[in-house]
Amino acid sequence: MKDQVTIPDVREAIKMAKDITPIMNQAEYLQLVALYARVLERYEKEEYTNGLPDED
């Protein structure tokens, strides 16, 4: 992933999510969960072109 975020970016994103999650309404929370799922799906397609490996 050429445009991967840096560790400081990750730390800032975690801090922002921790700060804002308690004041989110249900719709905002669902949008956050949907974004998480979309990013994870994109990552899986990029990194595991033949599908996810089987768990033992």
C-alpha atoms as a PDB file:
ATOM      1  CA  MET A   1       0.000   0.000   0.000  1.00  0.00           C
ATOM      2  CA  LYS A   2       1.813   3.021  -1.318  1.00  0.00           C
ATOM      3  CA  ASP A   3      -0.341   5.615   0.394  1.00  0.00           C
ATOM      4  CA  GLN A   4      -0.502   3.966   3.821  1.00  0.00           C
ATOM      5  CA  VAL A   5      -0.835   6.329   6.773  1.00  0.00           C
ATOM      6  CA  THR A   6       2.004   6.828   9.237  1.00  0.00           C
ATOM      7  CA  ILE A   7       2.093   5.642  12.849  1.00  0.00           C
ATOM      8  CA  PRO A   8       1.501   9.211  14.116  1.00  0.00           C
ATOM      9  CA  ASP A   9      -1.561   9.369  11.820  1.00  0.00           C
ATOM     10  CA  VAL A  10      -2.835   6.109  13.318  1.00  0.00           C
ATOM     11  CA  ARG A  11      -2.380   7.423  16.846  1.00  0.00           C
ATOM     12  CA  GLU A  12      -4.237  10.625  15.981  1.00  0.00           C
ATOM     13  CA  ALA A  13      -7.111   8.696  14.373  1.00  0.00           C
ATOM     14  CA  ILE A  14      -7.463   6.470  17.448  1.00  0.00           C
ATOM     15  CA  LYS A  15      -7.467   9.515  19.714  1.00  0.00           C
ATOM     16  CA  MET A  16     -10.101  11.252  17.579  1.00  0.00           C
ATOM     17  CA  ALA A  17     -12.319   8.157  17.546  1.00  0.00           C
ATOM     18  CA  LYS A  18     -12.028   7.742  21.323  1.00  0.00           C
ATOM     19  CA  ASP A  19     -12.938  11.401  21.851  1.00  0.00           C
ATOM     20  CA  ILE A  20     -15.934  11.519  19.541  1.00  0.00           C
ATOM     21  CA  THR A  21     -17.523   8.066  19.875  1.00  0.00           C
ATOM     22  CA  PRO A  22     -19.201   8.770  23.232  1.00  0.00           C
ATOM     23  CA  ILE A  23     -21.072  11.769  21.785  1.00  0.00           C
ATOM     24  CA  MET A  24     -22.125  10.188  18.485  1.00  0.00           C
ATOM     25  CA  ASN A  25     -25.731   9.495  17.718  1.00  0.00           C
ATOM     26  CA  GLN A  26     -26.791   6.124  16.300  1.00  0.00           C
ATOM     27  CA  ALA A  27     -26.668   7.273  12.648  1.00  0.00           C
ATOM     28  CA  GLU A  28     -23.153   8.669  13.026  1.00  0.00           C
ATOM     29  CA  TYR A  29     -22.008   5.488  14.737  1.00  0.00           C
ATOM     30  CA  LEU A  30     -23.431   3.373  11.914  1.00  0.00           C
ATOM     31  CA  GLN A  31     -21.552   5.525   9.381  1.00  0.00           C
ATOM     32  CA  LEU A  32     -18.308   4.925  11.285  1.00  0.00           C
ATOM     33  CA  VAL A  33     -18.931   1.169  11.349  1.00  0.00           C
ATOM     34  CA  ALA A  34     -19.745   1.193   7.627  1.00  0.00           C
ATOM     35  CA  LEU A  35     -16.524   3.067   6.850  1.00  0.00           C
ATOM     36  CA  TYR A  36     -14.549   0.547   8.900  1.00  0.00           C
ATOM     37  CA  ALA A  37     -16.132  -2.339   6.985  1.00  0.00           C
ATOM     38  CA  ARG A  38     -15.477  -0.669   3.608  1.00  0.00           C
ATOM     39  CA  VAL A  39     -11.810  -0.030   4.391  1.00  0.00           C
ATOM     40  CA  LEU A  40     -11.337  -3.567   5.703  1.00  0.00           C
ATOM     41  CA  GLU A  41     -12.969  -5.000   2.572  1.00  0.00           C
ATOM     42  CA  ARG A  42     -10.676  -2.925   0.333  1.00  0.00           C
ATOM     43  CA  TYR A  43      -7.623  -4.047   2.296  1.00  0.00           C
ATOM     44  CA  GLU A  44      -8.624  -7.701   2.054  1.00  0.00           C
ATOM     45  CA  LYS A  45      -9.075  -7.417  -1.723  1.00  0.00           C
ATOM     46  CA  GLU A  46      -5.670  -5.724  -2.126  1.00  0.00           C
ATOM     47  CA  GLU A  47      -3.689  -7.970   0.198  1.00  0.00           C
ATOM     48  CA  TYR A  48      -5.488 -11.295  -0.266  1.00  0.00           C
ATOM     49  CA  THR A  49      -6.349 -11.465  -3.939  1.00  0.00           C
ATOM     50  CA  ASN A  50      -7.187 -15.183  -3.606  1.00  0.00           C
ATOM     51  CA  GLY A  51      -9.335 -14.684  -0.508  1.00  0.00           C
ATOM     52  CA  LEU A  52      -8.514 -14.736   3.158  1.00  0.00           C
ATOM     53  CA  PRO A  53      -6.438 -17.680   4.386  1.00  0.00           C
ATOM     54  CA  ASP A  54      -8.211 -20.370   6.373  1.00  0.00           C
ATOM     55  CA  GLU A  55      -7.942 -20.137  10.143  1.00  0.00           C
ATOM     56  CA  ASP A  56      -6.601 -23.154  12.013  1.00  0.00           C
END
